[in-house]
C-alpha cells in the first residue's frame, strides 16, 4: 500500500525507470538498487522523478550476481520489484553465453529470493520475466494459444546465436525461481510479469542510439529505412501498461504466486506493417521530407503467435493501450531527439 518501502532493481533502464515513476506516483517510497552512484544521480535528474525526491533512496549493489548481493538492500522493505536482467546483445561470442546470460539471469533472480528469505516483513516479490521465459520459437506460425500456463521454452544449449542464449536465460531464470519457491516455501509470494516487445517513450534515452536499443529499435528501424532482418511476432505492449502491471501487482487484493503475460491486442496480435500506415497518417510532413522512410522501405513482416494476455486485463483492471499509441509515442520521442519536435 502507499507509504510502504519498495526495493526496485533495474531502475536505470527503460522498463525499470517507468516502474519507478509509477511506484512514486502511487505513493510508495522506493529504494533503488544501482551499480554505482552515477546511476542513481541520473534517474533522480530525469523529469518524471524530480517531484518525488523525498520518496527516493538508493543502495549500491555493484554485482547483482554476487553471493548475498542484496542482503543489505532488502532490510526494512515491504515489497521487492526485480526488473534488472542481463542486457541482450549480439556482441557476445558463443563461449560467453553461459557466463554473460545464463549465470547472471539465474544468480540474480535466485540471489534476490535468497536475500529476501533472510529477513522478515517482505510480503511479495514481483519479477520482470518475459514471454521468452515460457515460449519456444517452435510454436511460431502455429495455432497454439499461449497463456500463463504454457511451457515450451528450451533452456539447454548449445545456443546457435545470442538471441537463443538470451531466450534460454529468461526461461532458466523463471524455472529456477519456481523451483526455489517450491522448495523453500517462504513467507513472501511471487508474481512474474511476462512482456516481449515493450514500446513507447524511454525517458532514460538521451540520444538516438540509446533510444533505438531494444524493442523501440525493432519498431523504428524499418520506419527509418532499415529493413527488418527477420519476422517478429506481432505482440507488442506499451511501456506504461507494463509498468502499471508491476505496481498493481503489489496490491493485497491480487493473489500471489501467479504470472501475467503482457501483450496488447490479445489473440489477434498486430502486423508490424501497420506501423507504416500509422506513421503515414500522423506524420505526412516528416514522410515527405524523408525523415520517416515508409514510402521507400520494405514493410516489416510478422510471424503468427497467438497470445492470450486477457488475464492481466481482467485481474488487474485495465485495458491495453493500442499499437497506434505505442507507435506515436515512440515516433514523437524520436523526433524530439533529432530536434524536430
C-alpha atoms as a PDB file:
ATOM      1  CA  UNK A   1       0.000   0.000   0.000  1.00  0.00           C
ATOM      2  CA  UNK A   2       1.026   3.622  -0.428  1.00  0.00           C
ATOM      3  CA  UNK A   3       3.693   4.665   2.053  1.00  0.00           C
ATOM      4  CA  UNK A   4       5.379   1.257   2.121  1.00  0.00           C
ATOM      5  CA  UNK A   5       9.022   0.880   1.131  1.00  0.00           C
ATOM      6  CA  UNK A   6       9.762  -0.957  -2.130  1.00  0.00           C
ATOM      7  CA  UNK A   7      13.159  -2.237  -3.236  1.00  0.00           C
ATOM      8  CA  UNK A   8      13.481  -1.740  -7.002  1.00  0.00           C
ATOM      9  CA  UNK A   9      16.217  -3.099  -9.252  1.00  0.00           C
ATOM     10  CA  UNK A  10      16.871  -2.073 -12.848  1.00  0.00           C
ATOM     11  CA  UNK A  11      15.630   1.495 -12.363  1.00  0.00           C
ATOM     12  CA  UNK A  12      18.267   2.915 -14.708  1.00  0.00           C
ATOM     13  CA  UNK A  13      16.744   1.027 -17.646  1.00  0.00           C
ATOM     14  CA  UNK A  14      13.740   1.541 -19.928  1.00  0.00           C
ATOM     15  CA  UNK A  15      11.212  -0.609 -18.056  1.00  0.00           C
ATOM     16  CA  UNK A  16      12.695  -0.131 -14.611  1.00  0.00           C
ATOM     17  CA  UNK A  17      12.580   3.655 -14.726  1.00  0.00           C
ATOM     18  CA  UNK A  18       8.946   3.694 -15.782  1.00  0.00           C
ATOM     19  CA  UNK A  19       8.162   1.278 -12.938  1.00  0.00           C
ATOM     20  CA  UNK A  20       9.985   3.647 -10.582  1.00  0.00           C
ATOM     21  CA  UNK A  21       7.908   6.622 -11.685  1.00  0.00           C
ATOM     22  CA  UNK A  22       4.624   4.777 -11.329  1.00  0.00           C
ATOM     23  CA  UNK A  23       5.601   3.489  -7.880  1.00  0.00           C
ATOM     24  CA  UNK A  24       6.391   7.043  -6.804  1.00  0.00           C
ATOM     25  CA  UNK A  25       3.164   8.375  -8.293  1.00  0.00           C
ATOM     26  CA  UNK A  26       1.253   5.702  -6.366  1.00  0.00           C
ATOM     27  CA  UNK A  27       2.754   6.953  -3.101  1.00  0.00           C
ATOM     28  CA  UNK A  28       5.357   4.278  -2.427  1.00  0.00           C
ATOM     29  CA  UNK A  29       8.794   5.017  -1.051  1.00  0.00           C
ATOM     30  CA  UNK A  30      11.412   3.422  -3.272  1.00  0.00           C
ATOM     31  CA  UNK A  31      14.910   2.170  -2.545  1.00  0.00           C
ATOM     32  CA  UNK A  32      16.657   1.757  -5.875  1.00  0.00           C
ATOM     33  CA  UNK A  33      19.481  -0.760  -6.119  1.00  0.00           C
ATOM     34  CA  UNK A  34      22.037   0.641  -8.563  1.00  0.00           C
ATOM     35  CA  UNK A  35      25.532  -0.410  -9.599  1.00  0.00           C
ATOM     36  CA  UNK A  36      27.048   2.991  -8.852  1.00  0.00           C
ATOM     37  CA  UNK A  37      26.215   6.464  -7.565  1.00  0.00           C
ATOM     38  CA  UNK A  38      26.156   7.889 -11.093  1.00  0.00           C
ATOM     39  CA  UNK A  39      23.231   5.640 -11.972  1.00  0.00           C
ATOM     40  CA  UNK A  40      21.123   6.976  -9.125  1.00  0.00           C
ATOM     41  CA  UNK A  41      22.065  10.583  -9.856  1.00  0.00           C
ATOM     42  CA  UNK A  42      20.962  10.112 -13.464  1.00  0.00           C
ATOM     43  CA  UNK A  43      17.496   8.796 -12.658  1.00  0.00           C
ATOM     44  CA  UNK A  44      16.994  11.416  -9.931  1.00  0.00           C
ATOM     45  CA  UNK A  45      17.599  14.129 -12.519  1.00  0.00           C
ATOM     46  CA  UNK A  46      15.046  12.860 -15.047  1.00  0.00           C
ATOM     47  CA  UNK A  47      11.930  14.998 -15.345  1.00  0.00           C
ATOM     48  CA  UNK A  48       9.370  12.453 -14.156  1.00  0.00           C
ATOM     49  CA  UNK A  49      11.339  11.656 -10.986  1.00  0.00           C
ATOM     50  CA  UNK A  50      12.146  15.208  -9.905  1.00  0.00           C
ATOM     51  CA  UNK A  51       8.869  15.838  -7.980  1.00  0.00           C
ATOM     52  CA  UNK A  52       9.424  12.722  -5.852  1.00  0.00           C
ATOM     53  CA  UNK A  53      12.951  13.207  -4.488  1.00  0.00           C
ATOM     54  CA  UNK A  54      11.790  12.786  -0.884  1.00  0.00           C
ATOM     55  CA  UNK A  55      10.393   9.318  -1.676  1.00  0.00           C
ATOM     56  CA  UNK A  56      13.634   8.020  -3.192  1.00  0.00           C
ATOM     57  CA  UNK A  57      16.748   6.470  -1.716  1.00  0.00           C
ATOM     58  CA  UNK A  58      19.483   4.303  -3.160  1.00  0.00           C
ATOM     59  CA  UNK A  59      21.775   1.446  -2.266  1.00  0.00           C
ATOM     60  CA  UNK A  60      24.842   0.414  -4.232  1.00  0.00           C
ATOM     61  CA  UNK A  61      24.900  -3.198  -5.475  1.00  0.00           C
ATOM     62  CA  UNK A  62      27.885  -3.370  -7.850  1.00  0.00           C
ATOM     63  CA  UNK A  63      27.417  -7.036  -8.822  1.00  0.00           C
ATOM     64  CA  UNK A  64      23.870  -8.409  -8.735  1.00  0.00           C
ATOM     65  CA  UNK A  65      25.128 -11.971  -9.224  1.00  0.00           C
ATOM     66  CA  UNK A  66      27.446 -11.976  -6.194  1.00  0.00           C
ATOM     67  CA  UNK A  67      26.556 -14.165  -3.228  1.00  0.00           C
ATOM     68  CA  UNK A  68      24.436 -12.115  -0.828  1.00  0.00           C
ATOM     69  CA  UNK A  69      24.374  -9.144  -3.201  1.00  0.00           C
ATOM     70  CA  UNK A  70      21.005  -7.930  -1.927  1.00  0.00           C
ATOM     71  CA  UNK A  71      21.369  -8.844   1.761  1.00  0.00           C
ATOM     72  CA  UNK A  72      21.572  -5.197   2.858  1.00  0.00           C
ATOM     73  CA  UNK A  73      19.186  -3.889   0.213  1.00  0.00           C
ATOM     74  CA  UNK A  74      16.231  -5.994   1.386  1.00  0.00           C
ATOM     75  CA  UNK A  75      16.336  -4.866   5.007  1.00  0.00           C
ATOM     76  CA  UNK A  76      13.218  -2.949   6.019  1.00  0.00           C
ATOM     77  CA  UNK A  77      11.332  -3.222   2.727  1.00  0.00           C
ATOM     78  CA  UNK A  78       7.759  -4.478   2.336  1.00  0.00           C
ATOM     79  CA  UNK A  79       7.942  -5.316  -1.367  1.00  0.00           C
ATOM     80  CA  UNK A  80      10.569  -6.057  -3.988  1.00  0.00           C
ATOM     81  CA  UNK A  81      10.226  -5.311  -7.701  1.00  0.00           C
ATOM     82  CA  UNK A  82      13.086  -7.032  -9.522  1.00  0.00           C
ATOM     83  CA  UNK A  83      13.419  -5.649 -13.056  1.00  0.00           C
ATOM     84  CA  UNK A  84      17.193  -5.950 -13.539  1.00  0.00           C
ATOM     85  CA  UNK A  85      18.274  -8.515 -16.119  1.00  0.00           C
ATOM     86  CA  UNK A  86      21.265  -9.263 -18.366  1.00  0.00           C
ATOM     87  CA  UNK A  87      21.207  -6.996 -21.405  1.00  0.00           C
ATOM     88  CA  UNK A  88      20.596  -8.779 -24.708  1.00  0.00           C
ATOM     89  CA  UNK A  89      23.380  -8.023 -27.180  1.00  0.00           C
ATOM     90  CA  UNK A  90      24.665  -9.586 -30.414  1.00  0.00           C
ATOM     91  CA  UNK A  91      28.218  -8.612 -29.460  1.00  0.00           C
ATOM     92  CA  UNK A  92      28.932 -11.649 -27.270  1.00  0.00           C
ATOM     93  CA  UNK A  93      30.845 -14.674 -28.518  1.00  0.00           C
ATOM     94  CA  UNK A  94      29.374 -18.171 -28.245  1.00  0.00           C
ATOM     95  CA  UNK A  95      31.736 -19.181 -25.447  1.00  0.00           C
ATOM     96  CA  UNK A  96      30.486 -16.230 -23.381  1.00  0.00           C
ATOM     97  CA  UNK A  97      26.808 -17.192 -23.430  1.00  0.00           C
ATOM     98  CA  UNK A  98      26.840 -19.175 -20.180  1.00  0.00           C
ATOM     99  CA  UNK A  99      28.822 -16.504 -18.375  1.00  0.00           C
ATOM    100  CA  UNK A 100      27.107 -13.489 -19.931  1.00  0.00           C
ATOM    101  CA  UNK A 101      23.478 -14.637 -19.978  1.00  0.00           C
ATOM    102  CA  UNK A 102      22.766 -17.819 -18.024  1.00  0.00           C
ATOM    103  CA  UNK A 103      24.617 -17.216 -14.790  1.00  0.00           C
ATOM    104  CA  UNK A 104      23.576 -13.559 -14.335  1.00  0.00           C
ATOM    105  CA  UNK A 105      19.916 -14.320 -15.072  1.00  0.00           C
ATOM    106  CA  UNK A 106      19.679 -17.264 -12.680  1.00  0.00           C
ATOM    107  CA  UNK A 107      22.010 -15.987  -9.968  1.00  0.00           C
ATOM    108  CA  UNK A 108      20.436 -12.540  -9.959  1.00  0.00           C
ATOM    109  CA  UNK A 109      16.922 -13.921  -9.573  1.00  0.00           C
ATOM    110  CA  UNK A 110      17.649 -16.704  -7.085  1.00  0.00           C
ATOM    111  CA  UNK A 111      20.016 -14.419  -5.194  1.00  0.00           C
ATOM    112  CA  UNK A 112      17.202 -11.942  -4.659  1.00  0.00           C
ATOM    113  CA  UNK A 113      14.937 -14.698  -3.320  1.00  0.00           C
ATOM    114  CA  UNK A 114      17.693 -15.922  -1.004  1.00  0.00           C
ATOM    115  CA  UNK A 115      18.304 -12.439   0.383  1.00  0.00           C
ATOM    116  CA  UNK A 116      14.589 -11.822   0.902  1.00  0.00           C
ATOM    117  CA  UNK A 117      14.315 -15.084   2.818  1.00  0.00           C
ATOM    118  CA  UNK A 118      16.926 -13.915   5.337  1.00  0.00           C
ATOM    119  CA  UNK A 119      14.714 -11.128   6.693  1.00  0.00           C
ATOM    120  CA  UNK A 120      11.138 -10.773   7.910  1.00  0.00           C
ATOM    121  CA  UNK A 121       8.394  -8.447   6.737  1.00  0.00           C
ATOM    122  CA  UNK A 122       8.614  -8.866   2.967  1.00  0.00           C
ATOM    123  CA  UNK A 123       5.180  -9.655   1.575  1.00  0.00           C
ATOM    124  CA  UNK A 124       5.708 -10.006  -2.153  1.00  0.00           C
ATOM    125  CA  UNK A 125       8.305 -10.018  -4.908  1.00  0.00           C
ATOM    126  CA  UNK A 126       7.367  -9.007  -8.455  1.00  0.00           C
ATOM    127  CA  UNK A 127       9.844 -10.080 -11.133  1.00  0.00           C
ATOM    128  CA  UNK A 128      10.083  -8.882 -14.725  1.00  0.00           C
ATOM    129  CA  UNK A 129      10.284 -12.100 -16.702  1.00  0.00           C
ATOM    130  CA  UNK A 130       9.443 -12.374 -20.408  1.00  0.00           C
ATOM    131  CA  UNK A 131       7.296 -14.259 -22.851  1.00  0.00           C
ATOM    132  CA  UNK A 132      10.624 -15.832 -23.793  1.00  0.00           C
ATOM    133  CA  UNK A 133      10.589 -17.402 -20.326  1.00  0.00           C
ATOM    134  CA  UNK A 134       7.841 -19.788 -21.421  1.00  0.00           C
ATOM    135  CA  UNK A 135       7.700 -19.894 -25.247  1.00  0.00           C
ATOM    136  CA  UNK A 136       9.815 -21.721 -27.801  1.00  0.00           C
ATOM    137  CA  UNK A 137      10.238 -20.494 -31.358  1.00  0.00           C
ATOM    138  CA  UNK A 138       8.926 -23.896 -32.446  1.00  0.00           C
ATOM    139  CA  UNK A 139       5.353 -22.716 -31.910  1.00  0.00           C
ATOM    140  CA  UNK A 140       5.755 -19.600 -34.068  1.00  0.00           C
ATOM    141  CA  UNK A 141       3.415 -19.817 -37.035  1.00  0.00           C
ATOM    142  CA  UNK A 142       1.182 -22.436 -35.409  1.00  0.00           C
ATOM    143  CA  UNK A 143      -2.331 -22.299 -33.955  1.00  0.00           C
ATOM    144  CA  UNK A 144      -1.081 -22.901 -30.414  1.00  0.00           C
ATOM    145  CA  UNK A 145      -2.637 -20.434 -27.980  1.00  0.00           C
ATOM    146  CA  UNK A 146      -0.196 -19.313 -25.313  1.00  0.00           C
ATOM    147  CA  UNK A 147      -1.404 -18.374 -21.851  1.00  0.00           C
ATOM    148  CA  UNK A 148       0.357 -18.187 -18.495  1.00  0.00           C
ATOM    149  CA  UNK A 149       0.299 -21.970 -18.035  1.00  0.00           C
ATOM    150  CA  UNK A 150       2.150 -22.622 -21.299  1.00  0.00           C
ATOM    151  CA  UNK A 151       5.675 -24.043 -21.168  1.00  0.00           C
ATOM    152  CA  UNK A 152       7.631 -24.828 -24.332  1.00  0.00           C
ATOM    153  CA  UNK A 153      10.840 -22.821 -23.860  1.00  0.00           C
ATOM    154  CA  UNK A 154      14.185 -24.566 -24.255  1.00  0.00           C
ATOM    155  CA  UNK A 155      16.867 -23.969 -21.638  1.00  0.00           C
ATOM    156  CA  UNK A 156      19.659 -26.313 -22.701  1.00  0.00           C
ATOM    157  CA  UNK A 157      22.403 -25.482 -25.190  1.00  0.00           C
ATOM    158  CA  UNK A 158      24.210 -25.362 -27.448  1.00  0.00           C
ATOM    159  CA  UNK A 159      22.845 -21.978 -28.458  1.00  0.00           C
ATOM    160  CA  UNK A 160      23.122 -21.088 -32.154  1.00  0.00           C
ATOM    161  CA  UNK A 161      23.149 -17.337 -31.532  1.00  0.00           C
ATOM    162  CA  UNK A 162      22.895 -14.643 -28.891  1.00  0.00           C
ATOM    163  CA  UNK A 163      19.101 -14.396 -29.118  1.00  0.00           C
ATOM    164  CA  UNK A 164      18.720 -18.116 -28.468  1.00  0.00           C
ATOM    165  CA  UNK A 165      21.008 -17.783 -25.464  1.00  0.00           C
ATOM    166  CA  UNK A 166      19.143 -14.754 -24.152  1.00  0.00           C
ATOM    167  CA  UNK A 167      15.791 -16.518 -24.557  1.00  0.00           C
ATOM    168  CA  UNK A 168      17.096 -19.579 -22.747  1.00  0.00           C
ATOM    169  CA  UNK A 169      18.418 -17.424 -19.909  1.00  0.00           C
ATOM    170  CA  UNK A 170      14.954 -15.959 -19.330  1.00  0.00           C
ATOM    171  CA  UNK A 171      13.431 -19.444 -19.295  1.00  0.00           C
ATOM    172  CA  UNK A 172      16.085 -20.784 -16.966  1.00  0.00           C
ATOM    173  CA  UNK A 173      15.618 -17.887 -14.529  1.00  0.00           C
ATOM    174  CA  UNK A 174      11.859 -18.479 -14.368  1.00  0.00           C
ATOM    175  CA  UNK A 175      12.390 -22.201 -13.918  1.00  0.00           C
ATOM    176  CA  UNK A 176      14.909 -21.593 -11.137  1.00  0.00           C
ATOM    177  CA  UNK A 177      12.616 -19.167  -9.296  1.00  0.00           C
ATOM    178  CA  UNK A 178       9.691 -21.596  -9.453  1.00  0.00           C
ATOM    179  CA  UNK A 179      11.860 -24.417  -8.122  1.00  0.00           C
ATOM    180  CA  UNK A 180      13.222 -22.230  -5.343  1.00  0.00           C
ATOM    181  CA  UNK A 181       9.739 -21.152  -4.231  1.00  0.00           C
ATOM    182  CA  UNK A 182       8.517 -24.767  -4.204  1.00  0.00           C
ATOM    183  CA  UNK A 183      11.483 -25.973  -2.159  1.00  0.00           C
ATOM    184  CA  UNK A 184      11.728 -23.153   0.385  1.00  0.00           C
ATOM    185  CA  UNK A 185       8.062 -22.136   0.794  1.00  0.00           C
ATOM    186  CA  UNK A 186       8.955 -18.632   2.034  1.00  0.00           C
ATOM    187  CA  UNK A 187       6.642 -16.251   3.869  1.00  0.00           C
ATOM    188  CA  UNK A 188       6.502 -13.974   0.802  1.00  0.00           C
ATOM    189  CA  UNK A 189       4.845 -14.761  -2.518  1.00  0.00           C
ATOM    190  CA  UNK A 190       5.992 -14.196  -6.087  1.00  0.00           C
ATOM    191  CA  UNK A 191       4.462 -12.736  -9.248  1.00  0.00           C
ATOM    192  CA  UNK A 192       6.106 -12.762 -12.700  1.00  0.00           C
ATOM    193  CA  UNK A 193       5.290 -10.219 -15.425  1.00  0.00           C
ATOM    194  CA  UNK A 194       5.959 -11.540 -18.945  1.00  0.00           C
ATOM    195  CA  UNK A 195       6.160  -8.950 -21.770  1.00  0.00           C
ATOM    196  CA  UNK A 196       8.135  -9.081 -25.020  1.00  0.00           C
ATOM    197  CA  UNK A 197       8.222  -6.039 -27.313  1.00  0.00           C
ATOM    198  CA  UNK A 198       7.874  -3.108 -24.928  1.00  0.00           C
ATOM    199  CA  UNK A 199       7.305   0.095 -26.896  1.00  0.00           C
ATOM    200  CA  UNK A 200       6.859   3.768 -26.115  1.00  0.00           C
ATOM    201  CA  UNK A 201       8.675   6.705 -24.592  1.00  0.00           C
ATOM    202  CA  UNK A 202      12.012   5.859 -22.976  1.00  0.00           C
ATOM    203  CA  UNK A 203      12.923   8.693 -20.647  1.00  0.00           C
ATOM    204  CA  UNK A 204      16.325   7.169 -19.900  1.00  0.00           C
ATOM    205  CA  UNK A 205      17.347   7.553 -23.560  1.00  0.00           C
ATOM    206  CA  UNK A 206      19.041  10.893 -24.150  1.00  0.00           C
ATOM    207  CA  UNK A 207      20.170  10.293 -27.739  1.00  0.00           C
ATOM    208  CA  UNK A 208      19.008   8.391 -30.799  1.00  0.00           C
ATOM    209  CA  UNK A 209      21.424   5.498 -30.336  1.00  0.00           C
ATOM    210  CA  UNK A 210      20.204   4.879 -26.813  1.00  0.00           C
ATOM    211  CA  UNK A 211      16.586   5.160 -27.874  1.00  0.00           C
ATOM    212  CA  UNK A 212      16.936   2.641 -30.706  1.00  0.00           C
ATOM    213  CA  UNK A 213      18.353  -0.091 -28.487  1.00  0.00           C
ATOM    214  CA  UNK A 214      15.898  -2.833 -27.643  1.00  0.00           C
ATOM    215  CA  UNK A 215      12.267  -3.028 -28.654  1.00  0.00           C
ATOM    216  CA  UNK A 216      11.897   0.563 -29.833  1.00  0.00           C
ATOM    217  CA  UNK A 217      14.616  -0.182 -32.364  1.00  0.00           C
ATOM    218  CA  UNK A 218      12.643  -3.170 -33.647  1.00  0.00           C
ATOM    219  CA  UNK A 219       9.715  -0.839 -34.289  1.00  0.00           C
ATOM    220  CA  UNK A 220      11.543   2.241 -35.545  1.00  0.00           C
ATOM    221  CA  UNK A 221      14.288   0.594 -37.628  1.00  0.00           C
ATOM    222  CA  UNK A 222      12.127  -0.101 -40.706  1.00  0.00           C
ATOM    223  CA  UNK A 223      10.374   3.260 -40.316  1.00  0.00           C
ATOM    224  CA  UNK A 224      13.797   4.917 -40.516  1.00  0.00           C
ATOM    225  CA  UNK A 225      14.831   2.958 -43.590  1.00  0.00           C
ATOM    226  CA  UNK A 226      16.481  -0.135 -42.139  1.00  0.00           C
ATOM    227  CA  UNK A 227      14.601  -3.249 -43.314  1.00  0.00           C
ATOM    228  CA  UNK A 228      13.763  -5.812 -40.649  1.00  0.00           C
ATOM    229  CA  UNK A 229      16.246  -8.697 -40.583  1.00  0.00           C
ATOM    230  CA  UNK A 230      13.624 -11.269 -39.636  1.00  0.00           C
ATOM    231  CA  UNK A 231       9.934 -11.722 -38.980  1.00  0.00           C
ATOM    232  CA  UNK A 232       8.834 -10.979 -35.437  1.00  0.00           C
ATOM    233  CA  UNK A 233       5.606 -11.947 -33.658  1.00  0.00           C
ATOM    234  CA  UNK A 234       3.123  -9.078 -33.528  1.00  0.00           C
ATOM    235  CA  UNK A 235       2.913  -8.964 -29.738  1.00  0.00           C
ATOM    236  CA  UNK A 236       3.951  -5.502 -28.529  1.00  0.00           C
ATOM    237  CA  UNK A 237       2.839  -3.747 -25.354  1.00  0.00           C
ATOM    238  CA  UNK A 238       3.001  -0.134 -24.187  1.00  0.00           C
ATOM    239  CA  UNK A 239       5.648   0.683 -21.589  1.00  0.00           C
ATOM    240  CA  UNK A 240       3.031   2.361 -19.384  1.00  0.00           C
ATOM    241  CA  UNK A 241       0.969  -0.826 -19.251  1.00  0.00           C
ATOM    242  CA  UNK A 242       3.973  -2.944 -18.288  1.00  0.00           C
ATOM    243  CA  UNK A 243       4.958  -0.547 -15.505  1.00  0.00           C
ATOM    244  CA  UNK A 244       1.384  -0.297 -14.248  1.00  0.00           C
ATOM    245  CA  UNK A 245       1.117  -4.087 -14.065  1.00  0.00           C
ATOM    246  CA  UNK A 246       4.134  -4.239 -11.755  1.00  0.00           C
ATOM    247  CA  UNK A 247       2.645  -1.615  -9.455  1.00  0.00           C
ATOM    248  CA  UNK A 248      -0.865  -3.070  -9.333  1.00  0.00           C
ATOM    249  CA  UNK A 249       0.551  -6.485  -8.518  1.00  0.00           C
ATOM    250  CA  UNK A 250       1.636  -5.077  -5.147  1.00  0.00           C
ATOM    251  CA  UNK A 251      -1.987  -4.702  -4.072  1.00  0.00           C
ATOM    252  CA  UNK A 252      -3.137  -7.122  -1.391  1.00  0.00           C
ATOM    253  CA  UNK A 253      -6.299  -7.790  -3.393  1.00  0.00           C
ATOM    254  CA  UNK A 254      -4.192  -9.502  -6.075  1.00  0.00           C
ATOM    255  CA  UNK A 255      -3.348 -13.107  -5.255  1.00  0.00           C
ATOM    256  CA  UNK A 256       0.315 -14.038  -5.222  1.00  0.00           C
ATOM    257  CA  UNK A 257       2.227 -16.887  -6.842  1.00  0.00           C
ATOM    258  CA  UNK A 258       0.932 -16.317 -10.353  1.00  0.00           C
ATOM    259  CA  UNK A 259       2.140 -14.946 -13.691  1.00  0.00           C
ATOM    260  CA  UNK A 260       0.787 -12.308 -16.063  1.00  0.00           C
ATOM    261  CA  UNK A 261       1.510 -12.128 -19.779  1.00  0.00           C
ATOM    262  CA  UNK A 262       1.774  -8.576 -21.121  1.00  0.00           C
ATOM    263  CA  UNK A 263       0.765  -8.130 -24.764  1.00  0.00           C
ATOM    264  CA  UNK A 264      -1.685  -5.684 -26.286  1.00  0.00           C
ATOM    265  CA  UNK A 265      -4.291  -6.935 -28.760  1.00  0.00           C
ATOM    266  CA  UNK A 266      -4.688 -10.398 -27.160  1.00  0.00           C
ATOM    267  CA  UNK A 267      -5.055 -13.373 -29.520  1.00  0.00           C
ATOM    268  CA  UNK A 268      -5.280 -11.266 -32.663  1.00  0.00           C
ATOM    269  CA  UNK A 269      -1.944  -9.523 -32.275  1.00  0.00           C
ATOM    270  CA  UNK A 270      -0.811  -6.846 -34.725  1.00  0.00           C
ATOM    271  CA  UNK A 271       1.012  -6.727 -38.050  1.00  0.00           C
ATOM    272  CA  UNK A 272       4.251  -4.778 -37.821  1.00  0.00           C
ATOM    273  CA  UNK A 273       3.472  -3.309 -41.253  1.00  0.00           C
ATOM    274  CA  UNK A 274       0.625  -1.387 -39.611  1.00  0.00           C
ATOM    275  CA  UNK A 275       3.280   0.906 -38.165  1.00  0.00           C
ATOM    276  CA  UNK A 276       3.904   2.301 -41.665  1.00  0.00           C
ATOM    277  CA  UNK A 277       0.229   3.185 -42.081  1.00  0.00           C
ATOM    278  CA  UNK A 278       0.151   4.855 -38.666  1.00  0.00           C
ATOM    279  CA  UNK A 279       3.236   6.913 -39.499  1.00  0.00           C
ATOM    280  CA  UNK A 280       1.871   7.966 -42.907  1.00  0.00           C
ATOM    281  CA  UNK A 281      -1.408   9.023 -41.301  1.00  0.00           C
ATOM    282  CA  UNK A 282       0.042  11.115 -38.490  1.00  0.00           C
ATOM    283  CA  UNK A 283       3.346  12.375 -39.941  1.00  0.00           C
ATOM    284  CA  UNK A 284       2.783  13.223 -43.630  1.00  0.00           C
ATOM    285  CA  UNK A 285       5.272  16.101 -43.485  1.00  0.00           C
ATOM    286  CA  UNK A 286       8.043  14.003 -41.967  1.00  0.00           C
ATOM    287  CA  UNK A 287       7.376  11.265 -44.538  1.00  0.00           C
ATOM    288  CA  UNK A 288       7.566  13.762 -47.392  1.00  0.00           C
ATOM    289  CA  UNK A 289      10.846  15.113 -46.025  1.00  0.00           C
ATOM    290  CA  UNK A 290      12.328  11.630 -45.795  1.00  0.00           C
ATOM    291  CA  UNK A 291      12.707  11.584 -42.019  1.00  0.00           C
ATOM    292  CA  UNK A 292      10.401   8.601 -41.925  1.00  0.00           C
ATOM    293  CA  UNK A 293      11.126   6.372 -44.922  1.00  0.00           C
ATOM    294  CA  UNK A 294       7.915   4.359 -45.026  1.00  0.00           C
ATOM    295  CA  UNK A 295       7.423   5.004 -48.758  1.00  0.00           C
ATOM    296  CA  UNK A 296      10.808   3.611 -49.757  1.00  0.00           C
ATOM    297  CA  UNK A 297      11.485   0.824 -47.256  1.00  0.00           C
ATOM    298  CA  UNK A 298      10.244  -2.747 -47.406  1.00  0.00           C
ATOM    299  CA  UNK A 299       7.395  -3.249 -44.973  1.00  0.00           C
ATOM    300  CA  UNK A 300       8.235  -5.429 -41.971  1.00  0.00           C
ATOM    301  CA  UNK A 301       6.620  -8.854 -41.918  1.00  0.00           C
ATOM    302  CA  UNK A 302       5.145 -10.593 -38.890  1.00  0.00           C
ATOM    303  CA  UNK A 303       5.029 -14.198 -37.784  1.00  0.00           C
ATOM    304  CA  UNK A 304       1.914 -15.660 -36.203  1.00  0.00           C
ATOM    305  CA  UNK A 305       1.926 -16.163 -32.442  1.00  0.00           C
ATOM    306  CA  UNK A 306      -1.348 -16.356 -30.528  1.00  0.00           C
ATOM    307  CA  UNK A 307      -1.039 -14.850 -27.058  1.00  0.00           C
ATOM    308  CA  UNK A 308      -3.964 -14.846 -24.638  1.00  0.00           C
ATOM    309  CA  UNK A 309      -2.973 -11.972 -22.358  1.00  0.00           C
ATOM    310  CA  UNK A 310      -6.511 -11.193 -21.183  1.00  0.00           C
ATOM    311  CA  UNK A 311      -5.814 -12.465 -17.669  1.00  0.00           C
ATOM    312  CA  UNK A 312      -3.904  -9.276 -16.847  1.00  0.00           C
ATOM    313  CA  UNK A 313      -6.692  -7.005 -18.089  1.00  0.00           C
ATOM    314  CA  UNK A 314      -9.359  -8.945 -16.216  1.00  0.00           C
ATOM    315  CA  UNK A 315      -7.437  -9.368 -12.965  1.00  0.00           C
ATOM    316  CA  UNK A 316      -5.635  -6.040 -12.732  1.00  0.00           C
ATOM    317  CA  UNK A 317      -8.486  -3.966 -14.149  1.00  0.00           C
ATOM    318  CA  UNK A 318      -7.192  -2.093 -17.188  1.00  0.00           C
ATOM    319  CA  UNK A 319      -7.319  -2.053 -20.981  1.00  0.00           C
ATOM    320  CA  UNK A 320      -4.115  -2.283 -23.012  1.00  0.00           C
ATOM    321  CA  UNK A 321      -3.063   0.831 -24.892  1.00  0.00           C
ATOM    322  CA  UNK A 322      -3.304   0.431 -28.649  1.00  0.00           C
ATOM    323  CA  UNK A 323      -0.481  -0.269 -31.072  1.00  0.00           C
ATOM    324  CA  UNK A 324      -1.179   3.130 -32.601  1.00  0.00           C
ATOM    325  CA  UNK A 325      -0.466   4.789 -29.243  1.00  0.00           C
ATOM    326  CA  UNK A 326       2.740   2.781 -28.917  1.00  0.00           C
ATOM    327  CA  UNK A 327       3.927   3.868 -32.377  1.00  0.00           C
ATOM    328  CA  UNK A 328       3.035   7.523 -31.853  1.00  0.00           C
ATOM    329  CA  UNK A 329       4.805   7.756 -28.501  1.00  0.00           C
ATOM    330  CA  UNK A 330       7.964   6.202 -29.933  1.00  0.00           C
ATOM    331  CA  UNK A 331       7.896   8.336 -33.079  1.00  0.00           C
ATOM    332  CA  UNK A 332       7.314  11.519 -31.091  1.00  0.00           C
ATOM    333  CA  UNK A 333      10.341  10.853 -28.928  1.00  0.00           C
ATOM    334  CA  UNK A 334      12.497  10.140 -31.964  1.00  0.00           C
ATOM    335  CA  UNK A 335      11.504  13.493 -33.463  1.00  0.00           C
ATOM    336  CA  UNK A 336      12.315  15.220 -30.186  1.00  0.00           C
ATOM    337  CA  UNK A 337      15.746  13.591 -30.047  1.00  0.00           C
ATOM    338  CA  UNK A 338      16.646  14.800 -33.549  1.00  0.00           C
ATOM    339  CA  UNK A 339      15.359  18.293 -32.753  1.00  0.00           C
ATOM    340  CA  UNK A 340      12.270  18.195 -34.946  1.00  0.00           C
ATOM    341  CA  UNK A 341       9.639  18.466 -32.230  1.00  0.00           C
END
